[in-house]
Amino acid sequence: MTVLCYGFRESQSTMLEKAFLEPVTAGSVKEITFTQKIDLQGGEYLLSLGVTGYENEDFKVYHRLYDVLNMTVISDKDTVGYYDTNSKVRVKDVPI
């Protein structure tokens, strides 16, 4: 099983959203779309991305990119706590 994820401190992934991928063959291309409504408190956020998976029962990290995007949120309302980002995940094959 291959797991793709992104995170703003707390991560989201295809596994958490039950959008499981079958094993991916070398050379195949997938387009992964994460769509969510994010009501973030004002501040600075860094986006990280990763591709991980399980080979047999062993967890394996294939690739990770840390802090690839800085996002500044400007808000006139302060908030506190955790929330569900209401993510929707879509996986589709991309023709080569």
PDB file of N, CA and C in Angstrom:
ATOM      1  N   MET A   1       0.845  -1.175   0.000  1.00  0.00           N
ATOM      2  CA  MET A   1       0.000   0.000   0.000  1.00  0.00           C
ATOM      3  C   MET A   1       0.889   1.236   0.000  1.00  0.00           C
ATOM      4  N   THR A   2       0.584   2.205  -0.838  1.00  0.00           N
ATOM      5  CA  THR A   2       1.302   3.466  -0.894  1.00  0.00           C
ATOM      6  C   THR A   2       0.449   4.530  -0.225  1.00  0.00           C
ATOM      7  N   VAL A   3       1.069   5.398   0.577  1.00  0.00           N
ATOM      8  CA  VAL A   3       0.351   6.455   1.287  1.00  0.00           C
ATOM      9  C   VAL A   3       0.956   7.782   0.891  1.00  0.00           C
ATOM     10  N   LEU A   4       0.122   8.718   0.437  1.00  0.00           N
ATOM     11  CA  LEU A   4       0.578  10.060   0.118  1.00  0.00           C
ATOM     12  C   LEU A   4       0.001  11.000   1.154  1.00  0.00           C
ATOM     13  N   CYS A   5       0.785  11.985   1.564  1.00  0.00           N
ATOM     14  CA  CYS A   5       0.286  12.862   2.620  1.00  0.00           C
ATOM     15  C   CYS A   5       0.817  14.278   2.462  1.00  0.00           C
ATOM     16  N   TYR A   6       0.145  15.176   3.141  1.00  0.00           N
ATOM     17  CA  TYR A   6       0.576  16.556   3.257  1.00  0.00           C
ATOM     18  C   TYR A   6       0.309  16.970   4.684  1.00  0.00           C
ATOM     19  N   GLY A   7       0.934  18.029   5.128  1.00  0.00           N
ATOM     20  CA  GLY A   7       0.671  18.441   6.500  1.00  0.00           C
ATOM     21  C   GLY A   7       0.995  19.891   6.764  1.00  0.00           C
ATOM     22  N   PHE A   8       0.130  20.511   7.533  1.00  0.00           N
ATOM     23  CA  PHE A   8       0.384  21.798   8.167  1.00  0.00           C
ATOM     24  C   PHE A   8       0.463  21.463   9.652  1.00  0.00           C
ATOM     25  N   ARG A   9       1.630  21.100  10.130  1.00  0.00           N
ATOM     26  CA  ARG A   9       1.867  20.605  11.481  1.00  0.00           C
ATOM     27  C   ARG A   9       1.121  19.297  11.725  1.00  0.00           C
ATOM     28  N   GLU A  10      -0.196  19.261  11.647  1.00  0.00           N
ATOM     29  CA  GLU A  10      -0.957  18.012  11.721  1.00  0.00           C
ATOM     30  C   GLU A  10      -1.131  17.536  10.287  1.00  0.00           C
ATOM     31  N   SER A  11      -0.825  16.292   9.999  1.00  0.00           N
ATOM     32  CA  SER A  11      -0.840  15.849   8.609  1.00  0.00           C
ATOM     33  C   SER A  11      -2.152  15.196   8.215  1.00  0.00           C
ATOM     34  N   GLN A  12      -2.360  15.125   6.929  1.00  0.00           N
ATOM     35  CA  GLN A  12      -3.510  14.465   6.324  1.00  0.00           C
ATOM     36  C   GLN A  12      -2.950  13.513   5.282  1.00  0.00           C
ATOM     37  N   SER A  13      -3.613  12.405   5.043  1.00  0.00           N
ATOM     38  CA  SER A  13      -3.060  11.449   4.095  1.00  0.00           C
ATOM     39  C   SER A  13      -4.162  10.661   3.401  1.00  0.00           C
ATOM     40  N   THR A  14      -3.752   9.994   2.327  1.00  0.00           N
ATOM     41  CA  THR A  14      -4.694   9.122   1.630  1.00  0.00           C
ATOM     42  C   THR A  14      -5.147   8.006   2.559  1.00  0.00           C
ATOM     43  N   MET A  15      -4.282   7.556   3.478  1.00  0.00           N
ATOM     44  CA  MET A  15      -4.664   6.491   4.399  1.00  0.00           C
ATOM     45  C   MET A  15      -5.709   6.988   5.398  1.00  0.00           C
ATOM     46  N   LEU A  16      -5.505   8.169   5.974  1.00  0.00           N
ATOM     47  CA  LEU A  16      -6.473   8.712   6.923  1.00  0.00           C
ATOM     48  C   LEU A  16      -7.825   8.954   6.275  1.00  0.00           C
ATOM     49  N   GLU A  17      -7.822   9.304   5.005  1.00  0.00           N
ATOM     50  CA  GLU A  17      -9.068   9.573   4.286  1.00  0.00           C
ATOM     51  C   GLU A  17      -9.616   8.330   3.589  1.00  0.00           C
ATOM     52  N   LYS A  18      -8.972   7.169   3.858  1.00  0.00           N
ATOM     53  CA  LYS A  18      -9.396   5.885   3.279  1.00  0.00           C
ATOM     54  C   LYS A  18      -9.412   5.897   1.742  1.00  0.00           C
ATOM     55  N   ALA A  19      -8.484   6.644   1.151  1.00  0.00           N
ATOM     56  CA  ALA A  19      -8.296   6.658  -0.308  1.00  0.00           C
ATOM     57  C   ALA A  19      -7.053   5.818  -0.588  1.00  0.00           C
ATOM     58  N   PHE A  20      -7.123   4.538  -0.256  1.00  0.00           N
ATOM     59  CA  PHE A  20      -5.961   3.667  -0.339  1.00  0.00           C
ATOM     60  C   PHE A  20      -5.535   3.451  -1.785  1.00  0.00           C
ATOM     61  N   LEU A  21      -4.240   3.353  -1.977  1.00  0.00           N
ATOM     62  CA  LEU A  21      -3.679   3.067  -3.293  1.00  0.00           C
ATOM     63  C   LEU A  21      -3.140   1.654  -3.298  1.00  0.00           C
ATOM     64  N   GLU A  22      -3.332   0.995  -4.396  1.00  0.00           N
ATOM     65  CA  GLU A  22      -2.693  -0.299  -4.579  1.00  0.00           C
ATOM     66  C   GLU A  22      -1.209  -0.024  -4.815  1.00  0.00           C
ATOM     67  N   PRO A  23      -0.364  -1.039  -4.706  1.00  0.00           N
ATOM     68  CA  PRO A  23       1.057  -0.818  -4.987  1.00  0.00           C
ATOM     69  C   PRO A  23       1.245  -0.150  -6.354  1.00  0.00           C
ATOM     70  N   VAL A  24       2.163   0.790  -6.406  1.00  0.00           N
ATOM     71  CA  VAL A  24       2.414   1.567  -7.615  1.00  0.00           C
ATOM     72  C   VAL A  24       3.643   1.002  -8.309  1.00  0.00           C
ATOM     73  N   THR A  25       3.532   0.777  -9.604  1.00  0.00           N
ATOM     74  CA  THR A  25       4.663   0.249 -10.354  1.00  0.00           C
ATOM     75  C   THR A  25       5.606   1.378 -10.769  1.00  0.00           C
ATOM     76  N   ALA A  26       6.852   1.043 -10.920  1.00  0.00           N
ATOM     77  CA  ALA A  26       7.856   2.023 -11.348  1.00  0.00           C
ATOM     78  C   ALA A  26       7.457   2.625 -12.681  1.00  0.00           C
ATOM     79  N   GLY A  27       7.550   3.936 -12.793  1.00  0.00           N
ATOM     80  CA  GLY A  27       7.239   4.636 -14.030  1.00  0.00           C
ATOM     81  C   GLY A  27       5.797   5.086 -14.151  1.00  0.00           C
ATOM     82  N   SER A  28       4.907   4.619 -13.272  1.00  0.00           N
ATOM     83  CA  SER A  28       3.510   5.066 -13.345  1.00  0.00           C
ATOM     84  C   SER A  28       3.397   6.469 -12.748  1.00  0.00           C
ATOM     85  N   VAL A  29       2.389   7.192 -13.173  1.00  0.00           N
ATOM     86  CA  VAL A  29       2.182   8.562 -12.706  1.00  0.00           C
ATOM     87  C   VAL A  29       0.782   8.656 -12.119  1.00  0.00           C
ATOM     88  N   LYS A  30       0.667   9.252 -10.935  1.00  0.00           N
ATOM     89  CA  LYS A  30      -0.625   9.465 -10.276  1.00  0.00           C
ATOM     90  C   LYS A  30      -0.787  10.944  -9.997  1.00  0.00           C
ATOM     91  N   GLU A  31      -1.999  11.420 -10.123  1.00  0.00           N
ATOM     92  CA  GLU A  31      -2.322  12.787  -9.701  1.00  0.00           C
ATOM     93  C   GLU A  31      -3.146  12.671  -8.430  1.00  0.00           C
ATOM     94  N   ILE A  32      -2.654  13.268  -7.354  1.00  0.00           N
ATOM     95  CA  ILE A  32      -3.339  13.210  -6.065  1.00  0.00           C
ATOM     96  C   ILE A  32      -3.825  14.616  -5.741  1.00  0.00           C
ATOM     97  N   THR A  33      -5.112  14.731  -5.476  1.00  0.00           N
ATOM     98  CA  THR A  33      -5.697  16.034  -5.164  1.00  0.00           C
ATOM     99  C   THR A  33      -6.278  15.999  -3.759  1.00  0.00           C
ATOM    100  N   PHE A  34      -5.818  16.891  -2.895  1.00  0.00           N
ATOM    101  CA  PHE A  34      -6.382  17.067  -1.563  1.00  0.00           C
ATOM    102  C   PHE A  34      -7.182  18.368  -1.591  1.00  0.00           C
ATOM    103  N   THR A  35      -8.455  18.296  -1.300  1.00  0.00           N
ATOM    104  CA  THR A  35      -9.299  19.485  -1.278  1.00  0.00           C
ATOM    105  C   THR A  35      -9.943  19.586   0.093  1.00  0.00           C
ATOM    106  N   GLN A  36      -9.848  20.730   0.720  1.00  0.00           N
ATOM    107  CA  GLN A  36     -10.440  20.906   2.035  1.00  0.00           C
ATOM    108  C   GLN A  36     -10.779  22.358   2.306  1.00  0.00           C
ATOM    109  N   LYS A  37     -11.687  22.540   3.220  1.00  0.00           N
ATOM    110  CA  LYS A  37     -11.989  23.870   3.735  1.00  0.00           C
ATOM    111  C   LYS A  37     -11.153  24.011   4.996  1.00  0.00           C
ATOM    112  N   ILE A  38     -10.276  24.974   5.013  1.00  0.00           N
ATOM    113  CA  ILE A  38      -9.400  25.147   6.164  1.00  0.00           C
ATOM    114  C   ILE A  38      -9.685  26.506   6.795  1.00  0.00           C
ATOM    115  N   ASP A  39     -10.279  26.476   7.956  1.00  0.00           N
ATOM    116  CA  ASP A  39     -10.513  27.707   8.714  1.00  0.00           C
ATOM    117  C   ASP A  39      -9.364  27.869   9.698  1.00  0.00           C
ATOM    118  N   LEU A  40      -8.257  28.401   9.209  1.00  0.00           N
ATOM    119  CA  LEU A  40      -7.057  28.530  10.035  1.00  0.00           C
ATOM    120  C   LEU A  40      -7.037  29.839  10.795  1.00  0.00           C
ATOM    121  N   GLN A  41      -6.480  29.773  11.987  1.00  0.00           N
ATOM    122  CA  GLN A  41      -6.228  30.975  12.751  1.00  0.00           C
ATOM    123  C   GLN A  41      -5.147  31.771  12.032  1.00  0.00           C
ATOM    124  N   GLY A  42      -5.195  33.092  12.123  1.00  0.00           N
ATOM    125  CA  GLY A  42      -4.175  33.921  11.492  1.00  0.00           C
ATOM    126  C   GLY A  42      -2.781  33.516  11.931  1.00  0.00           C
ATOM    127  N   GLY A  43      -1.849  33.507  10.991  1.00  0.00           N
ATOM    128  CA  GLY A  43      -0.473  33.147  11.318  1.00  0.00           C
ATOM    129  C   GLY A  43       0.256  32.603  10.100  1.00  0.00           C
ATOM    130  N   GLU A  44       1.430  32.050  10.358  1.00  0.00           N
ATOM    131  CA  GLU A  44       2.281  31.489   9.316  1.00  0.00           C
ATOM    132  C   GLU A  44       2.194  29.974   9.365  1.00  0.00           C
ATOM    133  N   TYR A  45       2.077  29.343   8.205  1.00  0.00           N
ATOM    134  CA  TYR A  45       1.987  27.899   8.104  1.00  0.00           C
ATOM    135  C   TYR A  45       2.941  27.412   7.019  1.00  0.00           C
ATOM    136  N   LEU A  46       3.576  26.266   7.268  1.00  0.00           N
ATOM    137  CA  LEU A  46       4.496  25.658   6.314  1.00  0.00           C
ATOM    138  C   LEU A  46       3.920  24.326   5.855  1.00  0.00           C
ATOM    139  N   LEU A  47       3.911  24.101   4.548  1.00  0.00           N
ATOM    140  CA  LEU A  47       3.373  22.874   3.973  1.00  0.00           C
ATOM    141  C   LEU A  47       4.494  21.874   3.730  1.00  0.00           C
ATOM    142  N   SER A  48       4.280  20.636   4.151  1.00  0.00           N
ATOM    143  CA  SER A  48       5.212  19.541   3.892  1.00  0.00           C
ATOM    144  C   SER A  48       4.467  18.447   3.136  1.00  0.00           C
ATOM    145  N   LEU A  49       5.194  17.707   2.308  1.00  0.00           N
ATOM    146  CA  LEU A  49       4.601  16.651   1.485  1.00  0.00           C
ATOM    147  C   LEU A  49       5.400  15.364   1.665  1.00  0.00           C
ATOM    148  N   GLY A  50       4.743  14.228   1.457  1.00  0.00           N
ATOM    149  CA  GLY A  50       5.474  12.979   1.591  1.00  0.00           C
ATOM    150  C   GLY A  50       4.811  11.828   0.872  1.00  0.00           C
ATOM    151  N   VAL A  51       5.626  10.858   0.511  1.00  0.00           N
ATOM    152  CA  VAL A  51       5.149   9.601  -0.053  1.00  0.00           C
ATOM    153  C   VAL A  51       5.774   8.492   0.789  1.00  0.00           C
ATOM    154  N   THR A  52       4.916   7.698   1.408  1.00  0.00           N
ATOM    155  CA  THR A  52       5.363   6.586   2.239  1.00  0.00           C
ATOM    156  C   THR A  52       4.572   5.350   1.849  1.00  0.00           C
ATOM    157  N   GLY A  53       4.898   4.250   2.429  1.00  0.00           N
ATOM    158  CA  GLY A  53       4.132   3.046   2.138  1.00  0.00           C
ATOM    159  C   GLY A  53       4.551   1.891   3.009  1.00  0.00           C
ATOM    160  N   TYR A  54       3.917   0.766   2.764  1.00  0.00           N
ATOM    161  CA  TYR A  54       4.244  -0.461   3.476  1.00  0.00           C
ATOM    162  C   TYR A  54       4.726  -1.497   2.472  1.00  0.00           C
ATOM    163  N   GLU A  55       5.885  -2.050   2.733  1.00  0.00           N
ATOM    164  CA  GLU A  55       6.393  -3.171   1.962  1.00  0.00           C
ATOM    165  C   GLU A  55       6.331  -4.365   2.894  1.00  0.00           C
ATOM    166  N   ASN A  56       5.409  -5.270   2.584  1.00  0.00           N
ATOM    167  CA  ASN A  56       5.030  -6.339   3.505  1.00  0.00           C
ATOM    168  C   ASN A  56       4.487  -5.661   4.761  1.00  0.00           C
ATOM    169  N   GLU A  57       5.104  -5.845   5.891  1.00  0.00           N
ATOM    170  CA  GLU A  57       4.635  -5.193   7.126  1.00  0.00           C
ATOM    171  C   GLU A  57       5.524  -4.018   7.530  1.00  0.00           C
ATOM    172  N   ASP A  58       6.529  -3.698   6.714  1.00  0.00           N
ATOM    173  CA  ASP A  58       7.503  -2.670   7.065  1.00  0.00           C
ATOM    174  C   ASP A  58       7.109  -1.316   6.497  1.00  0.00           C
ATOM    175  N   PHE A  59       7.088  -0.286   7.354  1.00  0.00           N
ATOM    176  CA  PHE A  59       6.819   1.080   6.928  1.00  0.00           C
ATOM    177  C   PHE A  59       8.053   1.626   6.238  1.00  0.00           C
ATOM    178  N   LYS A  60       7.866   2.247   5.068  1.00  0.00           N
ATOM    179  CA  LYS A  60       8.999   2.771   4.296  1.00  0.00           C
ATOM    180  C   LYS A  60       8.693   4.189   3.839  1.00  0.00           C
ATOM    181  N   VAL A  61       9.678   5.074   3.975  1.00  0.00           N
ATOM    182  CA  VAL A  61       9.572   6.447   3.481  1.00  0.00           C
ATOM    183  C   VAL A  61      10.218   6.487   2.108  1.00  0.00           C
ATOM    184  N   TYR A  62       9.436   6.845   1.085  1.00  0.00           N
ATOM    185  CA  TYR A  62       9.963   6.934  -0.276  1.00  0.00           C
ATOM    186  C   TYR A  62      10.506   8.325  -0.566  1.00  0.00           C
ATOM    187  N   HIS A  63       9.764   9.329  -0.145  1.00  0.00           N
ATOM    188  CA  HIS A  63      10.200  10.704  -0.415  1.00  0.00           C
ATOM    189  C   HIS A  63       9.454  11.661   0.510  1.00  0.00           C
ATOM    190  N   ARG A  64      10.155  12.650   1.044  1.00  0.00           N
ATOM    191  CA  ARG A  64       9.530  13.683   1.863  1.00  0.00           C
ATOM    192  C   ARG A  64      10.118  15.033   1.496  1.00  0.00           C
ATOM    193  N   LEU A  65       9.258  16.006   1.449  1.00  0.00           N
ATOM    194  CA  LEU A  65       9.665  17.397   1.220  1.00  0.00           C
ATOM    195  C   LEU A  65       9.125  18.218   2.376  1.00  0.00           C
ATOM    196  N   TYR A  66      10.010  18.846   3.121  1.00  0.00           N
ATOM    197  CA  TYR A  66       9.612  19.630   4.279  1.00  0.00           C
ATOM    198  C   TYR A  66       9.578  21.108   3.939  1.00  0.00           C
ATOM    199  N   ASP A  67       8.559  21.803   4.449  1.00  0.00           N
ATOM    200  CA  ASP A  67       8.463  23.269   4.351  1.00  0.00           C
ATOM    201  C   ASP A  67       8.601  23.758   2.911  1.00  0.00           C
ATOM    202  N   VAL A  68       7.829  23.160   1.982  1.00  0.00           N
ATOM    203  CA  VAL A  68       7.928  23.519   0.571  1.00  0.00           C
ATOM    204  C   VAL A  68       7.112  24.759   0.225  1.00  0.00           C
ATOM    205  N   LEU A  69       6.188  25.153   1.097  1.00  0.00           N
ATOM    206  CA  LEU A  69       5.352  26.314   0.825  1.00  0.00           C
ATOM    207  C   LEU A  69       5.049  27.028   2.126  1.00  0.00           C
ATOM    208  N   ASN A  70       5.249  28.328   2.129  1.00  0.00           N
ATOM    209  CA  ASN A  70       4.882  29.152   3.283  1.00  0.00           C
ATOM    210  C   ASN A  70       3.540  29.814   2.979  1.00  0.00           C
ATOM    211  N   MET A  71       2.587  29.680   3.892  1.00  0.00           N
ATOM    212  CA  MET A  71       1.276  30.286   3.709  1.00  0.00           C
ATOM    213  C   MET A  71       1.004  31.235   4.867  1.00  0.00           C
ATOM    214  N   THR A  72       0.679  32.471   4.533  1.00  0.00           N
ATOM    215  CA  THR A  72       0.326  33.458   5.539  1.00  0.00           C
ATOM    216  C   THR A  72      -1.186  33.622   5.555  1.00  0.00           C
ATOM    217  N   VAL A  73      -1.781  33.426   6.727  1.00  0.00           N
ATOM    218  CA  VAL A  73      -3.221  33.593   6.893  1.00  0.00           C
ATOM    219  C   VAL A  73      -3.449  34.871   7.688  1.00  0.00           C
ATOM    220  N   ILE A  74      -4.258  35.748   7.114  1.00  0.00           N
ATOM    221  CA  ILE A  74      -4.627  36.999   7.788  1.00  0.00           C
ATOM    222  C   ILE A  74      -6.085  36.857   8.205  1.00  0.00           C
ATOM    223  N   SER A  75      -6.334  37.022   9.483  1.00  0.00           N
ATOM    224  CA  SER A  75      -7.686  36.830  10.004  1.00  0.00           C
ATOM    225  C   SER A  75      -8.025  37.912  11.005  1.00  0.00           C
ATOM    226  N   ASP A  76      -9.289  38.300  11.020  1.00  0.00           N
ATOM    227  CA  ASP A  76      -9.727  39.285  12.022  1.00  0.00           C
ATOM    228  C   ASP A  76     -10.391  38.600  13.213  1.00  0.00           C
ATOM    229  N   LYS A  77     -10.340  37.251  13.244  1.00  0.00           N
ATOM    230  CA  LYS A  77     -10.942  36.490  14.340  1.00  0.00           C
ATOM    231  C   LYS A  77      -9.945  35.454  14.826  1.00  0.00           C
ATOM    232  N   ASP A  78      -9.598  35.470  16.115  1.00  0.00           N
ATOM    233  CA  ASP A  78      -8.708  34.466  16.688  1.00  0.00           C
ATOM    234  C   ASP A  78      -9.505  33.219  17.049  1.00  0.00           C
ATOM    235  N   THR A  79      -8.872  32.074  16.892  1.00  0.00           N
ATOM    236  CA  THR A  79      -9.504  30.808  17.247  1.00  0.00           C
ATOM    237  C   THR A  79      -8.530  29.980  18.069  1.00  0.00           C
ATOM    238  N   VAL A  80      -9.063  28.965  18.746  1.00  0.00           N
ATOM    239  CA  VAL A  80      -8.250  28.080  19.575  1.00  0.00           C
ATOM    240  C   VAL A  80      -8.729  26.653  19.357  1.00  0.00           C
ATOM    241  N   GLY A  81      -7.802  25.694  19.351  1.00  0.00           N
ATOM    242  CA  GLY A  81      -8.201  24.293  19.320  1.00  0.00           C
ATOM    243  C   GLY A  81      -7.922  23.605  18.012  1.00  0.00           C
ATOM    244  N   TYR A  82      -8.370  22.341  17.946  1.00  0.00           N
ATOM    245  CA  TYR A  82      -8.191  21.504  16.770  1.00  0.00           C
ATOM    246  C   TYR A  82      -9.499  21.383  16.028  1.00  0.00           C
ATOM    247  N   TYR A  83      -9.423  20.989  14.765  1.00  0.00           N
ATOM    248  CA  TYR A  83     -10.636  20.870  13.961  1.00  0.00           C
ATOM    249  C   TYR A  83     -10.407  19.895  12.822  1.00  0.00           C
ATOM    250  N   ASP A  84     -11.476  19.439  12.206  1.00  0.00           N
ATOM    251  CA  ASP A  84     -11.427  18.572  11.032  1.00  0.00           C
ATOM    252  C   ASP A  84     -11.391  19.466   9.803  1.00  0.00           C
ATOM    253  N   THR A  85     -10.423  19.257   8.920  1.00  0.00           N
ATOM    254  CA  THR A  85     -10.313  20.104   7.724  1.00  0.00           C
ATOM    255  C   THR A  85     -11.259  19.684   6.614  1.00  0.00           C
ATOM    256  N   ASN A  86     -12.136  18.713   6.896  1.00  0.00           N
ATOM    257  CA  ASN A  86     -13.126  18.271   5.913  1.00  0.00           C
ATOM    258  C   ASN A  86     -12.483  17.939   4.566  1.00  0.00           C
ATOM    259  N   SER A  87     -11.408  17.163   4.605  1.00  0.00           N
ATOM    260  CA  SER A  87     -10.655  16.832   3.392  1.00  0.00           C
ATOM    261  C   SER A  87     -11.409  15.881   2.486  1.00  0.00           C
ATOM    262  N   LYS A  88     -11.211  16.067   1.196  1.00  0.00           N
ATOM    263  CA  LYS A  88     -11.654  15.132   0.174  1.00  0.00           C
ATOM    264  C   LYS A  88     -10.410  14.783  -0.627  1.00  0.00           C
ATOM    265  N   VAL A  89     -10.172  13.496  -0.843  1.00  0.00           N
ATOM    266  CA  VAL A  89      -8.970  13.053  -1.538  1.00  0.00           C
ATOM    267  C   VAL A  89      -9.383  12.308  -2.790  1.00  0.00           C
ATOM    268  N   ARG A  90      -8.741  12.641  -3.907  1.00  0.00           N
ATOM    269  CA  ARG A  90      -9.011  11.979  -5.173  1.00  0.00           C
ATOM    270  C   ARG A  90      -7.709  11.486  -5.768  1.00  0.00           C
ATOM    271  N   VAL A  91      -7.729  10.255  -6.256  1.00  0.00           N
ATOM    272  CA  VAL A  91      -6.553   9.657  -6.885  1.00  0.00           C
ATOM    273  C   VAL A  91      -6.954   9.227  -8.288  1.00  0.00           C
ATOM    274  N   LYS A  92      -6.169   9.631  -9.301  1.00  0.00           N
ATOM    275  CA  LYS A  92      -6.465   9.185 -10.657  1.00  0.00           C
ATOM    276  C   LYS A  92      -5.181   8.902 -11.410  1.00  0.00           C
ATOM    277  N   ASP A  93      -5.263   7.985 -12.333  1.00  0.00           N
ATOM    278  CA  ASP A  93      -4.117   7.662 -13.184  1.00  0.00           C
ATOM    279  C   ASP A  93      -3.909   8.789 -14.190  1.00  0.00           C
ATOM    280  N   VAL A  94      -2.653   9.068 -14.478  1.00  0.00           N
ATOM    281  CA  VAL A  94      -2.289  10.078 -15.467  1.00  0.00           C
ATOM    282  C   VAL A  94      -1.646   9.357 -16.641  1.00  0.00           C
ATOM    283  N   PRO A  95      -2.175   9.523 -17.845  1.00  0.00           N
ATOM    284  CA  PRO A  95      -1.559   8.845 -18.985  1.00  0.00           C
ATOM    285  C   PRO A  95      -0.145   9.364 -19.232  1.00  0.00           C
ATOM    286  N   ILE A  96       0.717   8.455 -19.603  1.00  0.00           N
ATOM    287  CA  ILE A  96       2.129   8.809 -19.850  1.00  0.00           C
ATOM    288  C   ILE A  96       2.338   9.041 -21.328  1.00  0.00           C
TER     289      ILE A  96
END
